[in-house]
Amino acid sequence: ELSSNFSPTYSQFKGPIPVSNVQVTSKKNMSPVFGALFSHKFNEKLGVGAGYFVSGGTNAEYKSVDYSGVRSGFDEVKPNVMAKLAVTEFSLGAGYKLNENFNIGAAWRAVFIKADLGSGKLNTGNTALTTVQMTDFKDKNYAGFKLGAQYASSDKKWGAGLTFRNSIKIEAEGDVAAGYEAYAPVSTAHPIALSISGKVKIKNTFPWNLHLDGYYEVMTD
């Protein structure tokens, strides 16, 4: 059995950038949320499945944020303030029916990460602006797995399920560009503007998850 879905999701945000009393509207972005699934039942006890799908992410981007509203001289550095993260996953699993009450399952997971991050920060006296732009970060991890067990009462009126998903470590490499604009001294008419660029690695861990669910049938036909 094959199934697929495509749900393009549009998002737009507002936030207090660069100062708390000013709301800035982000760029309207489209996130291509999709999934493709395959399943096959060999017999009454054993079935397998595979899928490739979007499992998480965010897509917020404020283009060329202008900090001259804070101090009129801040016109050299206009950062993209953004958090763009796409997490996709390929999973291959199997389920087995032990008896009329118990089912178990296991799946192998490959996780793929893409990210672009950007920020701008003013110092306490609003005399210096520091920006960081991190783009084209990518990584993959083939060590993911998920385990599950399910119980259903003999009369099917209640049941419970337990799933465990292991943690995933990410070490992504990409491009970084940092900018710095400052008044030196504060009374100087035009600020000093500096920039550097290079390659950098970032590390993160998606935490493990243990999930318990249950149901109880209150009414019957």
C-alpha atoms as a PDB file:
ATOM      1  CA  GLU A   1       0.000   0.000   0.000  1.00  0.00           C
ATOM      2  CA  LEU A   2       1.336   3.440  -0.997  1.00  0.00           C
ATOM      3  CA  SER A   3       0.237   6.855   0.262  1.00  0.00           C
ATOM      4  CA  SER A   4       1.551  10.395  -0.021  1.00  0.00           C
ATOM      5  CA  ASN A   5       0.620  13.907   1.022  1.00  0.00           C
ATOM      6  CA  PHE A   6       1.798  17.424   0.303  1.00  0.00           C
ATOM      7  CA  SER A   7       0.737  20.302   2.537  1.00  0.00           C
ATOM      8  CA  PRO A   8       2.422  23.591   1.598  1.00  0.00           C
ATOM      9  CA  THR A   9       2.393  25.734   4.732  1.00  0.00           C
ATOM     10  CA  TYR A  10       2.769  29.514   4.597  1.00  0.00           C
ATOM     11  CA  SER A  11       4.059  31.356   7.642  1.00  0.00           C
ATOM     12  CA  GLN A  12       4.627  34.979   8.573  1.00  0.00           C
ATOM     13  CA  PHE A  13       5.651  36.354  11.960  1.00  0.00           C
ATOM     14  CA  LYS A  14       5.835  39.641  13.838  1.00  0.00           C
ATOM     15  CA  GLY A  15       8.378  40.477  16.480  1.00  0.00           C
ATOM     16  CA  PRO A  16      10.000  43.337  18.418  1.00  0.00           C
ATOM     17  CA  ILE A  17      13.059  43.824  16.193  1.00  0.00           C
ATOM     18  CA  PRO A  18      15.265  45.771  16.725  1.00  0.00           C
ATOM     19  CA  VAL A  19      13.605  47.487  19.728  1.00  0.00           C
ATOM     20  CA  SER A  20      10.890  46.267  22.073  1.00  0.00           C
ATOM     21  CA  ASN A  21       8.280  48.857  21.112  1.00  0.00           C
ATOM     22  CA  VAL A  22       8.498  48.312  17.328  1.00  0.00           C
ATOM     23  CA  GLN A  23       6.879  45.316  15.617  1.00  0.00           C
ATOM     24  CA  VAL A  24       8.577  44.102  12.432  1.00  0.00           C
ATOM     25  CA  THR A  25       6.859  41.700  10.000  1.00  0.00           C
ATOM     26  CA  SER A  26       8.868  38.785   8.661  1.00  0.00           C
ATOM     27  CA  LYS A  27       9.044  37.617   5.077  1.00  0.00           C
ATOM     28  CA  LYS A  28       6.161  35.339   4.052  1.00  0.00           C
ATOM     29  CA  ASN A  29       7.710  31.920   3.495  1.00  0.00           C
ATOM     30  CA  MET A  30       6.380  28.615   2.207  1.00  0.00           C
ATOM     31  CA  SER A  31       7.369  25.345   3.895  1.00  0.00           C
ATOM     32  CA  PRO A  32       6.872  22.259   1.673  1.00  0.00           C
ATOM     33  CA  VAL A  33       5.548  19.825   4.277  1.00  0.00           C
ATOM     34  CA  PHE A  34       5.259  16.384   2.661  1.00  0.00           C
ATOM     35  CA  GLY A  35       5.281  12.671   3.320  1.00  0.00           C
ATOM     36  CA  ALA A  36       5.446   9.432   1.331  1.00  0.00           C
ATOM     37  CA  LEU A  37       4.615   6.113   3.010  1.00  0.00           C
ATOM     38  CA  PHE A  38       4.672   2.446   2.040  1.00  0.00           C
ATOM     39  CA  SER A  39       3.282  -0.494   4.020  1.00  0.00           C
ATOM     40  CA  HIS A  40       2.889  -4.200   3.397  1.00  0.00           C
ATOM     41  CA  LYS A  41       1.208  -6.891   5.471  1.00  0.00           C
ATOM     42  CA  PHE A  42       2.760 -10.329   5.025  1.00  0.00           C
ATOM     43  CA  ASN A  43       0.208 -12.148   7.170  1.00  0.00           C
ATOM     44  CA  GLU A  44      -2.024 -11.604  10.208  1.00  0.00           C
ATOM     45  CA  LYS A  45       1.003 -11.218  12.468  1.00  0.00           C
ATOM     46  CA  LEU A  46       3.743  -9.415  10.530  1.00  0.00           C
ATOM     47  CA  GLY A  47       3.819  -6.132   8.632  1.00  0.00           C
ATOM     48  CA  VAL A  48       6.517  -3.741   7.416  1.00  0.00           C
ATOM     49  CA  GLY A  49       6.579  -0.085   6.437  1.00  0.00           C
ATOM     50  CA  ALA A  50       8.833   2.658   5.108  1.00  0.00           C
ATOM     51  CA  GLY A  51       8.462   6.404   4.809  1.00  0.00           C
ATOM     52  CA  TYR A  52      10.177   9.674   3.953  1.00  0.00           C
ATOM     53  CA  PHE A  53       8.637  12.776   5.500  1.00  0.00           C
ATOM     54  CA  VAL A  54       9.112  16.153   7.171  1.00  0.00           C
ATOM     55  CA  SER A  55       9.344  15.627  10.925  1.00  0.00           C
ATOM     56  CA  GLY A  56      10.054  19.155  12.163  1.00  0.00           C
ATOM     57  CA  GLY A  57      11.333  22.642  11.516  1.00  0.00           C
ATOM     58  CA  THR A  58      10.624  26.360  11.436  1.00  0.00           C
ATOM     59  CA  ASN A  59      10.773  29.071   8.778  1.00  0.00           C
ATOM     60  CA  ALA A  60      11.012  32.626  10.128  1.00  0.00           C
ATOM     61  CA  GLU A  61      13.026  35.283   8.288  1.00  0.00           C
ATOM     62  CA  TYR A  62      13.279  39.044   8.778  1.00  0.00           C
ATOM     63  CA  LYS A  63      15.154  40.413   5.762  1.00  0.00           C
ATOM     64  CA  SER A  64      17.731  43.240   6.059  1.00  0.00           C
ATOM     65  CA  VAL A  65      16.657  44.496   9.477  1.00  0.00           C
ATOM     66  CA  ASP A  66      17.320  48.226   9.744  1.00  0.00           C
ATOM     67  CA  TYR A  67      18.803  49.350  13.087  1.00  0.00           C
ATOM     68  CA  SER A  68      18.996  53.039  12.132  1.00  0.00           C
ATOM     69  CA  GLY A  69      15.782  53.591  14.108  1.00  0.00           C
ATOM     70  CA  VAL A  70      17.804  52.933  17.259  1.00  0.00           C
ATOM     71  CA  ARG A  71      20.705  55.159  16.205  1.00  0.00           C
ATOM     72  CA  SER A  72      20.669  57.034  12.915  1.00  0.00           C
ATOM     73  CA  GLY A  73      24.246  56.100  12.052  1.00  0.00           C
ATOM     74  CA  PHE A  74      23.597  52.340  12.001  1.00  0.00           C
ATOM     75  CA  ASP A  75      23.224  52.073   8.241  1.00  0.00           C
ATOM     76  CA  GLU A  76      26.119  49.848   7.167  1.00  0.00           C
ATOM     77  CA  VAL A  77      25.118  46.495   8.678  1.00  0.00           C
ATOM     78  CA  LYS A  78      21.596  45.228   8.001  1.00  0.00           C
ATOM     79  CA  PRO A  79      21.397  41.582   9.092  1.00  0.00           C
ATOM     80  CA  ASN A  80      18.868  38.938   8.152  1.00  0.00           C
ATOM     81  CA  VAL A  81      17.373  37.863  11.473  1.00  0.00           C
ATOM     82  CA  MET A  82      16.192  34.322  10.839  1.00  0.00           C
ATOM     83  CA  ALA A  83      15.602  30.809  12.099  1.00  0.00           C
ATOM     84  CA  LYS A  84      15.163  28.429   9.172  1.00  0.00           C
ATOM     85  CA  LEU A  85      15.319  24.757  10.070  1.00  0.00           C
ATOM     86  CA  ALA A  86      14.173  21.741   8.047  1.00  0.00           C
ATOM     87  CA  VAL A  87      14.216  18.243   9.555  1.00  0.00           C
ATOM     88  CA  THR A  88      13.359  15.331   7.262  1.00  0.00           C
ATOM     89  CA  GLU A  89      13.428  11.659   8.085  1.00  0.00           C
ATOM     90  CA  PHE A  90      13.560   8.287   6.350  1.00  0.00           C
ATOM     91  CA  SER A  91      12.224   5.439   8.438  1.00  0.00           C
ATOM     92  CA  LEU A  92      12.071   1.677   7.901  1.00  0.00           C
ATOM     93  CA  GLY A  93      10.192  -0.457  10.408  1.00  0.00           C
ATOM     94  CA  ALA A  94       8.242  -3.598  11.202  1.00  0.00           C
ATOM     95  CA  GLY A  95       5.410  -4.585  13.522  1.00  0.00           C
ATOM     96  CA  TYR A  96       4.579  -7.993  14.954  1.00  0.00           C
ATOM     97  CA  LYS A  97       1.436  -9.254  16.674  1.00  0.00           C
ATOM     98  CA  LEU A  98       2.453 -11.470  19.572  1.00  0.00           C
ATOM     99  CA  ASN A  99      -1.102 -12.504  20.445  1.00  0.00           C
ATOM    100  CA  GLU A 100      -4.585 -11.004  20.660  1.00  0.00           C
ATOM    101  CA  ASN A 101      -3.449  -8.574  23.346  1.00  0.00           C
ATOM    102  CA  PHE A 102       0.141  -7.543  22.568  1.00  0.00           C
ATOM    103  CA  ASN A 103       1.829  -5.911  19.563  1.00  0.00           C
ATOM    104  CA  ILE A 104       5.456  -4.803  19.249  1.00  0.00           C
ATOM    105  CA  GLY A 105       7.303  -2.709  16.683  1.00  0.00           C
ATOM    106  CA  ALA A 106      10.700  -1.274  15.833  1.00  0.00           C
ATOM    107  CA  ALA A 107      11.974   1.207  13.253  1.00  0.00           C
ATOM    108  CA  TRP A 108      15.330   2.459  12.003  1.00  0.00           C
ATOM    109  CA  ARG A 109      15.492   6.228  11.381  1.00  0.00           C
ATOM    110  CA  ALA A 110      17.799   8.354   9.230  1.00  0.00           C
ATOM    111  CA  VAL A 111      17.534  12.077  10.055  1.00  0.00           C
ATOM    112  CA  PHE A 112      18.580  14.924   7.726  1.00  0.00           C
ATOM    113  CA  ILE A 113      19.074  18.531   8.891  1.00  0.00           C
ATOM    114  CA  LYS A 114      19.309  21.828   6.993  1.00  0.00           C
ATOM    115  CA  ALA A 115      19.539  25.188   8.750  1.00  0.00           C
ATOM    116  CA  ASP A 116      20.104  28.921   8.213  1.00  0.00           C
ATOM    117  CA  LEU A 117      20.385  31.127  11.297  1.00  0.00           C
ATOM    118  CA  GLY A 118      20.906  34.847  11.727  1.00  0.00           C
ATOM    119  CA  SER A 119      20.866  37.378  14.545  1.00  0.00           C
ATOM    120  CA  GLY A 120      21.632  40.981  15.452  1.00  0.00           C
ATOM    121  CA  LYS A 121      22.348  42.279  18.952  1.00  0.00           C
ATOM    122  CA  LEU A 122      22.878  45.763  20.339  1.00  0.00           C
ATOM    123  CA  ASN A 123      25.025  46.398  23.374  1.00  0.00           C
ATOM    124  CA  THR A 124      23.582  47.958  26.536  1.00  0.00           C
ATOM    125  CA  GLY A 125      24.238  51.539  25.495  1.00  0.00           C
ATOM    126  CA  ASN A 126      23.115  51.027  21.869  1.00  0.00           C
ATOM    127  CA  THR A 127      26.577  52.117  20.681  1.00  0.00           C
ATOM    128  CA  ALA A 128      27.557  48.839  19.008  1.00  0.00           C
ATOM    129  CA  LEU A 129      25.761  46.291  16.830  1.00  0.00           C
ATOM    130  CA  THR A 130      26.975  42.720  16.408  1.00  0.00           C
ATOM    131  CA  THR A 131      25.508  40.419  13.749  1.00  0.00           C
ATOM    132  CA  VAL A 132      26.010  36.747  12.931  1.00  0.00           C
ATOM    133  CA  GLN A 133      24.782  35.027   9.758  1.00  0.00           C
ATOM    134  CA  MET A 134      25.048  31.212   9.634  1.00  0.00           C
ATOM    135  CA  THR A 135      23.985  29.660   6.332  1.00  0.00           C
ATOM    136  CA  ASP A 136      23.935  26.352   4.474  1.00  0.00           C
ATOM    137  CA  PHE A 137      24.357  24.150   7.546  1.00  0.00           C
ATOM    138  CA  LYS A 138      23.711  20.474   6.799  1.00  0.00           C
ATOM    139  CA  ASP A 139      24.128  17.160   8.570  1.00  0.00           C
ATOM    140  CA  LYS A 140      22.704  13.641   8.658  1.00  0.00           C
ATOM    141  CA  ASN A 141      22.506  10.919  11.274  1.00  0.00           C
ATOM    142  CA  TYR A 142      21.842   7.258  10.485  1.00  0.00           C
ATOM    143  CA  ALA A 143      21.789   6.042  14.091  1.00  0.00           C
ATOM    144  CA  GLY A 144      18.154   6.723  14.958  1.00  0.00           C
ATOM    145  CA  PHE A 145      15.669   4.107  16.109  1.00  0.00           C
ATOM    146  CA  LYS A 146      12.212   3.857  17.632  1.00  0.00           C
ATOM    147  CA  LEU A 147      10.686   1.046  19.692  1.00  0.00           C
ATOM    148  CA  GLY A 148       7.075   0.489  20.606  1.00  0.00           C
ATOM    149  CA  ALA A 149       4.750  -1.886  22.428  1.00  0.00           C
ATOM    150  CA  GLN A 150       0.958  -1.929  22.538  1.00  0.00           C
ATOM    151  CA  TYR A 151      -1.572  -3.699  24.733  1.00  0.00           C
ATOM    152  CA  ALA A 152      -5.299  -4.057  24.121  1.00  0.00           C
ATOM    153  CA  SER A 153      -7.710  -5.775  26.510  1.00  0.00           C
ATOM    154  CA  SER A 154      -9.457  -8.906  25.335  1.00  0.00           C
ATOM    155  CA  ASP A 155     -12.782  -7.057  25.074  1.00  0.00           C
ATOM    156  CA  LYS A 156     -11.017  -4.159  23.237  1.00  0.00           C
ATOM    157  CA  LYS A 157     -12.496  -1.609  25.667  1.00  0.00           C
ATOM    158  CA  TRP A 158      -9.162  -0.238  26.826  1.00  0.00           C
ATOM    159  CA  GLY A 159      -5.522  -0.314  25.917  1.00  0.00           C
ATOM    160  CA  ALA A 160      -2.139   1.345  26.269  1.00  0.00           C
ATOM    161  CA  GLY A 161       0.940   1.982  24.194  1.00  0.00           C
ATOM    162  CA  LEU A 162       4.547   2.808  25.012  1.00  0.00           C
ATOM    163  CA  THR A 163       7.084   4.234  22.518  1.00  0.00           C
ATOM    164  CA  PHE A 164      10.753   5.155  22.884  1.00  0.00           C
ATOM    165  CA  ARG A 165      12.767   7.306  20.480  1.00  0.00           C
ATOM    166  CA  ASN A 166      16.522   7.633  20.966  1.00  0.00           C
ATOM    167  CA  SER A 167      18.422  10.933  20.964  1.00  0.00           C
ATOM    168  CA  ILE A 168      20.026  12.204  17.754  1.00  0.00           C
ATOM    169  CA  LYS A 169      23.334  14.079  17.744  1.00  0.00           C
ATOM    170  CA  ILE A 170      23.926  16.682  15.060  1.00  0.00           C
ATOM    171  CA  GLU A 171      27.233  18.245  14.016  1.00  0.00           C
ATOM    172  CA  ALA A 172      26.573  20.523  11.040  1.00  0.00           C
ATOM    173  CA  GLU A 173      29.136  22.546   9.107  1.00  0.00           C
ATOM    174  CA  GLY A 174      28.338  25.705   7.170  1.00  0.00           C
ATOM    175  CA  ASP A 175      29.276  29.283   6.356  1.00  0.00           C
ATOM    176  CA  VAL A 176      29.367  32.047   8.933  1.00  0.00           C
ATOM    177  CA  ALA A 177      29.662  35.807   8.479  1.00  0.00           C
ATOM    178  CA  ALA A 178      29.927  38.176  11.425  1.00  0.00           C
ATOM    179  CA  GLY A 179      29.547  41.942  11.335  1.00  0.00           C
ATOM    180  CA  TYR A 180      30.306  44.655  13.840  1.00  0.00           C
ATOM    181  CA  GLU A 181      29.310  48.318  13.702  1.00  0.00           C
ATOM    182  CA  ALA A 182      30.217  50.715  16.498  1.00  0.00           C
ATOM    183  CA  TYR A 183      30.692  54.351  17.421  1.00  0.00           C
ATOM    184  CA  ALA A 184      34.236  55.068  18.612  1.00  0.00           C
ATOM    185  CA  PRO A 185      33.974  57.380  20.350  1.00  0.00           C
ATOM    186  CA  VAL A 186      30.219  57.562  20.843  1.00  0.00           C
ATOM    187  CA  SER A 187      30.093  61.102  19.496  1.00  0.00           C
ATOM    188  CA  THR A 188      31.702  60.170  16.143  1.00  0.00           C
ATOM    189  CA  ALA A 189      29.395  61.002  13.254  1.00  0.00           C
ATOM    190  CA  HIS A 190      30.031  57.786  11.344  1.00  0.00           C
ATOM    191  CA  PRO A 191      30.453  54.344  12.897  1.00  0.00           C
ATOM    192  CA  ILE A 192      33.237  51.836  12.420  1.00  0.00           C
ATOM    193  CA  ALA A 193      32.060  48.803  10.392  1.00  0.00           C
ATOM    194  CA  LEU A 194      33.910  45.479  10.344  1.00  0.00           C
ATOM    195  CA  SER A 195      33.083  42.024   8.967  1.00  0.00           C
ATOM    196  CA  ILE A 196      34.633  38.543   8.955  1.00  0.00           C
ATOM    197  CA  SER A 197      33.607  35.253   7.350  1.00  0.00           C
ATOM    198  CA  GLY A 198      34.595  31.596   7.340  1.00  0.00           C
ATOM    199  CA  LYS A 199      33.479  28.041   8.088  1.00  0.00           C
ATOM    200  CA  VAL A 200      32.170  26.807  11.424  1.00  0.00           C
ATOM    201  CA  LYS A 201      30.597  23.702  12.979  1.00  0.00           C
ATOM    202  CA  ILE A 202      27.634  23.697  15.318  1.00  0.00           C
ATOM    203  CA  LYS A 203      26.582  20.838  17.576  1.00  0.00           C
ATOM    204  CA  ASN A 204      23.197  19.988  19.009  1.00  0.00           C
ATOM    205  CA  THR A 205      21.233  16.996  20.284  1.00  0.00           C
ATOM    206  CA  PHE A 206      17.601  16.169  19.694  1.00  0.00           C
ATOM    207  CA  PRO A 207      16.589  14.586  23.021  1.00  0.00           C
ATOM    208  CA  TRP A 208      15.285  11.080  23.528  1.00  0.00           C
ATOM    209  CA  ASN A 209      11.577  10.683  24.107  1.00  0.00           C
ATOM    210  CA  LEU A 210       9.509   8.166  26.069  1.00  0.00           C
ATOM    211  CA  HIS A 211       5.781   8.361  25.414  1.00  0.00           C
ATOM    212  CA  LEU A 212       2.914   6.535  27.145  1.00  0.00           C
ATOM    213  CA  ASP A 213      -0.642   6.669  25.787  1.00  0.00           C
ATOM    214  CA  GLY A 214      -3.855   4.931  26.659  1.00  0.00           C
ATOM    215  CA  TYR A 215      -7.513   4.760  25.792  1.00  0.00           C
ATOM    216  CA  TYR A 216     -10.743   3.653  27.380  1.00  0.00           C
ATOM    217  CA  GLU A 217     -14.062   3.131  25.621  1.00  0.00           C
ATOM    218  CA  VAL A 218     -16.764   4.984  27.539  1.00  0.00           C
ATOM    219  CA  MET A 219     -19.728   4.248  25.275  1.00  0.00           C
ATOM    220  CA  THR A 220     -20.540   1.452  22.852  1.00  0.00           C
ATOM    221  CA  ASP A 221     -23.035   1.299  19.986  1.00  0.00           C
END
